[in-house]
N, C-alpha and C. Protein backbone atom coordinates (compact mmCIF):
# COMPACT_ATOMS: atom_id res chain seq x y z
N MET A 1 -24.15 -18.44 46.49
CA MET A 1 -24.08 -17.60 46.62
C MET A 1 -25.40 -17.20 48.03
N SER A 2 -25.16 -16.12 49.10
CA SER A 2 -26.22 -15.79 49.97
C SER A 2 -26.67 -14.66 49.66
N GLU A 3 -27.93 -14.79 50.06
CA GLU A 3 -28.69 -13.63 49.53
C GLU A 3 -28.59 -12.41 49.25
N ALA A 4 -27.82 -12.01 50.38
CA ALA A 4 -27.45 -10.89 51.04
C ALA A 4 -26.65 -10.07 49.75
N ILE A 5 -25.57 -11.16 49.45
CA ILE A 5 -24.58 -10.62 48.53
C ILE A 5 -25.07 -10.40 46.89
N GLN A 6 -26.06 -10.76 46.56
CA GLN A 6 -27.44 -10.01 45.62
C GLN A 6 -26.98 -8.75 45.36
N TYR A 7 -26.79 -8.24 46.32
CA TYR A 7 -27.25 -6.73 46.65
C TYR A 7 -26.11 -6.00 46.65
N ILE A 8 -26.03 -4.34 45.69
CA ILE A 8 -24.63 -3.79 45.66
C ILE A 8 -24.93 -2.47 46.21
N ALA A 9 -24.43 -1.76 46.60
CA ALA A 9 -23.99 -0.04 46.63
C ALA A 9 -22.88 0.36 45.25
N VAL A 10 -23.77 1.32 44.88
CA VAL A 10 -22.61 1.56 43.90
C VAL A 10 -22.73 3.19 43.89
N THR A 11 -21.58 3.64 43.70
CA THR A 11 -20.89 5.22 44.28
C THR A 11 -20.36 5.40 42.90
N THR A 12 -20.43 6.78 42.36
CA THR A 12 -20.02 7.49 41.54
C THR A 12 -20.07 8.89 41.86
N THR A 13 -19.18 9.83 41.59
CA THR A 13 -19.56 11.19 41.99
C THR A 13 -19.49 11.98 40.64
N THR A 14 -20.06 13.22 40.41
CA THR A 14 -20.22 13.95 39.14
C THR A 14 -19.79 15.99 39.92
N ASP A 15 -19.98 16.06 38.72
CA ASP A 15 -19.57 17.97 38.63
C ASP A 15 -20.37 18.99 39.31
N SER A 16 -21.65 18.39 39.25
CA SER A 16 -22.66 19.65 39.85
C SER A 16 -23.83 18.81 40.55
N GLU A 17 -24.55 19.57 41.19
CA GLU A 17 -25.76 19.11 41.98
C GLU A 17 -26.97 18.55 41.10
N GLU A 18 -27.13 19.45 39.63
CA GLU A 18 -28.18 19.03 38.66
C GLU A 18 -27.85 17.88 37.98
N SER A 19 -26.20 17.57 37.24
CA SER A 19 -25.93 16.59 37.29
C SER A 19 -26.26 15.26 37.80
N ALA A 20 -26.10 15.46 39.38
CA ALA A 20 -26.05 14.25 40.15
C ALA A 20 -27.53 13.78 39.96
N ARG A 21 -28.67 14.87 40.28
CA ARG A 21 -30.30 15.05 40.25
C ARG A 21 -30.29 14.10 39.08
N ARG A 22 -29.80 14.87 37.78
CA ARG A 22 -29.94 13.65 36.50
C ARG A 22 -29.77 12.12 36.83
N LEU A 23 -28.26 12.28 36.97
CA LEU A 23 -28.02 10.78 36.84
C LEU A 23 -29.10 10.03 37.67
N ALA A 24 -29.00 10.17 38.93
CA ALA A 24 -29.87 9.73 39.78
C ALA A 24 -31.45 9.38 39.14
N SER A 25 -32.17 10.63 39.28
CA SER A 25 -33.58 10.42 38.78
C SER A 25 -33.57 9.19 37.40
N ALA A 26 -32.82 9.25 36.14
CA ALA A 26 -33.18 8.46 35.19
C ALA A 26 -32.95 7.28 35.86
N ALA A 27 -31.90 6.68 36.27
CA ALA A 27 -31.32 5.83 36.84
C ALA A 27 -32.48 4.79 37.71
N ILE A 28 -33.65 5.78 38.61
CA ILE A 28 -34.46 5.28 39.46
C ILE A 28 -35.83 5.01 38.42
N GLU A 29 -35.86 6.09 37.09
CA GLU A 29 -37.31 5.99 36.45
C GLU A 29 -36.83 4.51 35.77
N GLN A 30 -35.93 4.09 35.20
CA GLN A 30 -35.25 2.53 34.76
C GLN A 30 -35.33 1.58 35.35
N ARG A 31 -35.72 1.78 36.80
CA ARG A 31 -34.89 0.85 37.62
C ARG A 31 -33.85 0.54 37.29
N LEU A 32 -32.85 0.63 37.19
CA LEU A 32 -31.83 0.38 37.33
C LEU A 32 -31.09 0.44 38.90
N ALA A 33 -31.71 0.95 39.47
CA ALA A 33 -31.37 1.19 41.29
C ALA A 33 -32.44 1.36 42.11
N ALA A 34 -32.71 0.82 42.92
CA ALA A 34 -34.34 1.10 43.70
C ALA A 34 -34.15 3.01 44.49
N CYS A 35 -32.71 3.24 44.48
CA CYS A 35 -32.84 4.48 45.33
C CYS A 35 -31.20 5.13 45.62
N ALA A 36 -31.28 6.37 45.04
CA ALA A 36 -29.80 6.90 44.80
C ALA A 36 -29.44 8.20 45.81
N GLN A 37 -28.82 8.60 46.34
CA GLN A 37 -28.78 9.25 47.74
C GLN A 37 -27.76 10.13 46.91
N ILE A 38 -27.80 11.87 47.27
CA ILE A 38 -26.82 12.46 46.50
C ILE A 38 -26.09 13.26 47.92
N ASP A 39 -24.93 13.05 48.02
CA ASP A 39 -24.21 13.82 48.97
C ASP A 39 -23.47 15.00 48.22
N GLY A 40 -23.12 16.32 49.23
CA GLY A 40 -22.79 16.90 48.41
C GLY A 40 -23.03 18.44 49.08
N PRO A 41 -21.97 19.71 48.43
CA PRO A 41 -20.83 18.86 47.73
C PRO A 41 -19.56 18.57 48.70
N ILE A 42 -18.27 17.96 48.45
CA ILE A 42 -17.66 17.17 48.73
C ILE A 42 -16.65 17.57 47.81
N THR A 43 -15.29 17.77 48.22
CA THR A 43 -14.14 18.00 48.29
C THR A 43 -13.32 16.81 47.67
N SER A 44 -13.23 16.26 46.23
CA SER A 44 -12.34 15.85 46.04
C SER A 44 -10.80 16.26 45.39
N VAL A 45 -9.85 15.44 45.59
CA VAL A 45 -8.26 15.51 45.43
C VAL A 45 -7.82 14.77 44.28
N TYR A 46 -7.65 14.19 43.70
CA TYR A 46 -7.27 13.76 42.60
C TYR A 46 -5.88 14.26 41.40
N GLN A 47 -5.09 13.04 41.06
CA GLN A 47 -4.01 13.50 39.81
C GLN A 47 -4.88 13.32 38.38
N TRP A 48 -5.18 13.93 37.72
CA TRP A 48 -5.95 13.80 36.06
C TRP A 48 -4.96 14.66 35.10
N GLN A 49 -4.00 13.54 34.28
CA GLN A 49 -3.61 13.97 33.19
C GLN A 49 -2.03 14.81 33.61
N ARG A 50 -1.85 14.14 34.74
CA ARG A 50 -0.37 14.72 35.27
C ARG A 50 -0.77 15.65 36.15
N LYS A 51 -1.83 15.95 36.35
CA LYS A 51 -1.78 17.83 37.22
C LYS A 51 -2.72 17.04 38.88
N ILE A 52 -2.38 17.66 39.92
CA ILE A 52 -3.00 17.57 40.79
C ILE A 52 -4.35 18.28 40.87
N ARG A 53 -5.40 17.71 40.99
CA ARG A 53 -6.99 18.90 40.84
C ARG A 53 -7.13 18.46 42.53
N THR A 54 -8.01 19.67 42.55
CA THR A 54 -8.48 20.03 43.52
C THR A 54 -10.21 20.41 43.12
N ASP A 55 -11.28 19.14 43.20
CA ASP A 55 -12.45 19.99 42.80
C ASP A 55 -13.60 20.01 43.58
N THR A 56 -14.92 20.63 43.11
CA THR A 56 -15.87 20.13 44.39
C THR A 56 -17.05 19.32 43.26
N GLU A 57 -16.96 18.25 44.17
CA GLU A 57 -17.90 17.27 43.35
C GLU A 57 -19.28 17.09 44.64
N TRP A 58 -20.14 15.73 43.50
CA TRP A 58 -21.51 15.91 44.43
C TRP A 58 -20.83 14.43 44.29
N ARG A 59 -21.36 13.04 45.19
CA ARG A 59 -21.62 12.21 45.28
C ARG A 59 -22.95 11.47 45.06
N LEU A 60 -22.94 10.35 44.58
CA LEU A 60 -23.96 9.34 44.33
C LEU A 60 -24.29 7.72 44.75
N HIS A 61 -24.72 7.66 45.89
CA HIS A 61 -25.17 6.29 46.44
C HIS A 61 -26.39 5.54 45.35
N TYR A 62 -26.27 4.48 44.42
CA TYR A 62 -27.49 4.14 44.40
C TYR A 62 -27.31 2.61 45.25
N LYS A 63 -28.43 2.05 45.46
CA LYS A 63 -28.95 0.42 45.95
C LYS A 63 -29.37 -0.20 44.65
N THR A 64 -28.57 -1.17 44.83
CA THR A 64 -29.14 -1.51 43.80
C THR A 64 -29.03 -3.60 43.45
N THR A 65 -29.66 -4.30 42.74
CA THR A 65 -28.88 -5.59 42.42
C THR A 65 -27.53 -5.98 41.74
N ARG A 66 -27.34 -7.06 42.39
CA ARG A 66 -26.07 -7.53 41.73
C ARG A 66 -26.57 -7.81 39.74
N ALA A 67 -27.84 -7.90 40.02
CA ALA A 67 -28.33 -8.08 38.57
C ALA A 67 -28.09 -7.23 37.44
N ARG A 68 -29.09 -6.13 38.10
CA ARG A 68 -28.95 -4.85 37.66
C ARG A 68 -27.50 -4.12 37.57
N TYR A 69 -26.87 -4.23 37.89
CA TYR A 69 -25.26 -3.49 37.93
C TYR A 69 -24.94 -3.26 36.67
N PRO A 70 -24.68 -4.41 35.47
CA PRO A 70 -24.33 -4.00 33.91
C PRO A 70 -25.38 -3.15 33.89
N GLU A 71 -26.06 -2.89 33.41
CA GLU A 71 -27.46 -1.88 32.93
C GLU A 71 -27.00 -1.13 33.79
N LEU A 72 -26.47 -0.54 34.89
CA LEU A 72 -26.50 0.69 35.82
C LEU A 72 -24.91 1.25 35.01
N GLU A 73 -24.01 0.40 35.28
CA GLU A 73 -23.07 0.62 34.93
C GLU A 73 -22.87 1.34 33.18
N ALA A 74 -23.49 0.62 32.26
CA ALA A 74 -23.82 0.89 30.84
C ALA A 74 -24.52 2.51 30.92
N TYR A 75 -25.21 2.65 31.54
CA TYR A 75 -25.85 4.14 31.77
C TYR A 75 -24.98 4.72 32.23
N LEU A 76 -24.64 4.97 33.28
CA LEU A 76 -23.05 5.65 33.70
C LEU A 76 -22.21 5.65 33.13
N LYS A 77 -21.94 4.79 32.36
CA LYS A 77 -20.86 5.43 31.16
C LYS A 77 -21.06 5.84 30.16
N ALA A 78 -22.55 5.85 29.55
CA ALA A 78 -23.16 6.72 28.96
C ALA A 78 -23.45 7.99 28.81
N GLU A 79 -23.80 8.39 30.30
CA GLU A 79 -24.43 9.66 30.73
C GLU A 79 -23.88 10.49 31.37
N HIS A 80 -22.88 9.69 31.74
CA HIS A 80 -21.95 10.71 32.76
C HIS A 80 -20.68 11.63 31.96
N PRO A 81 -21.03 12.62 32.74
CA PRO A 81 -20.45 13.95 31.91
C PRO A 81 -18.73 13.66 31.94
N TYR A 82 -18.13 12.48 32.52
CA TYR A 82 -17.24 12.58 32.77
C TYR A 82 -16.49 11.89 31.63
N ASP A 83 -14.89 11.85 31.47
CA ASP A 83 -14.61 10.74 30.50
C ASP A 83 -14.09 9.38 30.89
N VAL A 84 -13.45 9.47 31.70
CA VAL A 84 -13.02 8.51 33.16
C VAL A 84 -14.52 8.35 34.39
N PRO A 85 -15.78 8.25 34.68
CA PRO A 85 -16.28 8.22 35.80
C PRO A 85 -15.91 7.68 36.95
N GLU A 86 -16.05 7.65 38.46
CA GLU A 86 -15.91 6.60 39.22
C GLU A 86 -16.94 5.77 39.05
N ILE A 87 -16.61 4.72 39.35
CA ILE A 87 -18.12 3.47 39.25
C ILE A 87 -17.61 2.15 39.69
N ILE A 88 -17.72 2.21 41.26
CA ILE A 88 -17.39 1.67 42.27
C ILE A 88 -18.49 1.09 43.16
N ALA A 89 -18.84 -0.28 42.91
CA ALA A 89 -19.53 -1.21 43.34
C ALA A 89 -19.43 -1.65 44.59
N THR A 90 -20.29 -2.15 45.39
CA THR A 90 -19.74 -2.85 46.92
C THR A 90 -20.55 -3.70 47.55
N GLU A 91 -20.54 -5.21 47.55
CA GLU A 91 -21.31 -5.87 48.32
C GLU A 91 -22.12 -5.06 49.57
N ILE A 92 -23.41 -6.01 49.61
CA ILE A 92 -24.03 -5.48 50.73
C ILE A 92 -23.87 -6.83 51.06
N THR A 93 -23.37 -7.28 52.65
CA THR A 93 -23.26 -8.26 52.83
C THR A 93 -24.67 -8.75 54.00
N THR A 94 -25.01 -7.97 54.65
CA THR A 94 -26.25 -8.19 55.32
C THR A 94 -27.28 -6.46 54.96
N GLY A 95 -28.32 -7.11 55.95
CA GLY A 95 -29.16 -5.83 55.87
C GLY A 95 -30.48 -6.02 56.62
N SER A 96 -31.53 -5.38 56.89
CA SER A 96 -32.92 -5.41 56.99
C SER A 96 -33.73 -6.32 55.97
N ALA A 97 -33.96 -7.50 56.10
CA ALA A 97 -34.65 -8.31 54.85
C ALA A 97 -35.56 -7.51 54.11
N ASP A 98 -36.80 -6.61 54.94
CA ASP A 98 -37.71 -6.06 54.39
C ASP A 98 -37.50 -5.20 53.50
N TYR A 99 -36.15 -3.99 54.07
CA TYR A 99 -35.25 -3.30 52.89
C TYR A 99 -34.47 -4.24 51.24
N LEU A 100 -33.97 -4.78 51.87
CA LEU A 100 -33.30 -5.72 50.70
C LEU A 100 -34.94 -6.60 49.81
N ALA A 101 -35.77 -6.69 50.17
CA ALA A 101 -36.74 -7.00 49.55
C ALA A 101 -37.40 -6.54 48.68
N TRP A 102 -37.26 -4.72 49.20
CA TRP A 102 -37.24 -3.73 48.20
C TRP A 102 -36.58 -3.39 47.46
N VAL A 103 -35.67 -3.35 47.68
CA VAL A 103 -34.69 -3.01 46.58
C VAL A 103 -35.00 -4.25 45.35
N ARG A 104 -34.77 -5.19 45.63
CA ARG A 104 -35.25 -6.39 44.66
C ARG A 104 -36.68 -5.87 43.90
N ARG A 105 -37.43 -5.72 44.39
CA ARG A 105 -39.13 -5.22 43.87
C ARG A 105 -38.59 -3.94 43.15
N GLU A 106 -38.20 -3.10 43.65
CA GLU A 106 -37.51 -1.82 42.84
C GLU A 106 -36.97 -1.70 41.50
N THR A 107 -36.08 -2.58 41.41
CA THR A 107 -35.18 -3.32 40.32
C THR A 107 -35.85 -4.27 39.61
N ARG A 108 -36.64 -4.65 39.55
CA ARG A 108 -37.33 -5.74 38.60
C ARG A 108 -37.24 -4.82 37.11
N SER A 109 -36.95 -5.28 36.24
CA SER A 109 -37.13 -4.60 34.89
C SER A 109 -38.48 -5.22 33.95
């Protein structure tokens, strides 16, 4: 595996800015991710329990390592306000060597 693919970006959404800040801060404090960015508000349209819903949400983008992903996913499942939170990981296939080294340093347990 190339060094770059050791890094991932993880995305989730939540129902409020307060919830997004809480999920971001605690993940960083626990070194589950090096960075968490919050976008919002955004509008999400989706089907849930056989109904089409349109809700305002806030999106979080975490930068982390593949090694820390299982702990980040477990944290999000335990602390997220949704029954079935969006948790999507995307490989970072290339990037600044300095930035990726920083991600690696910041996510050491």
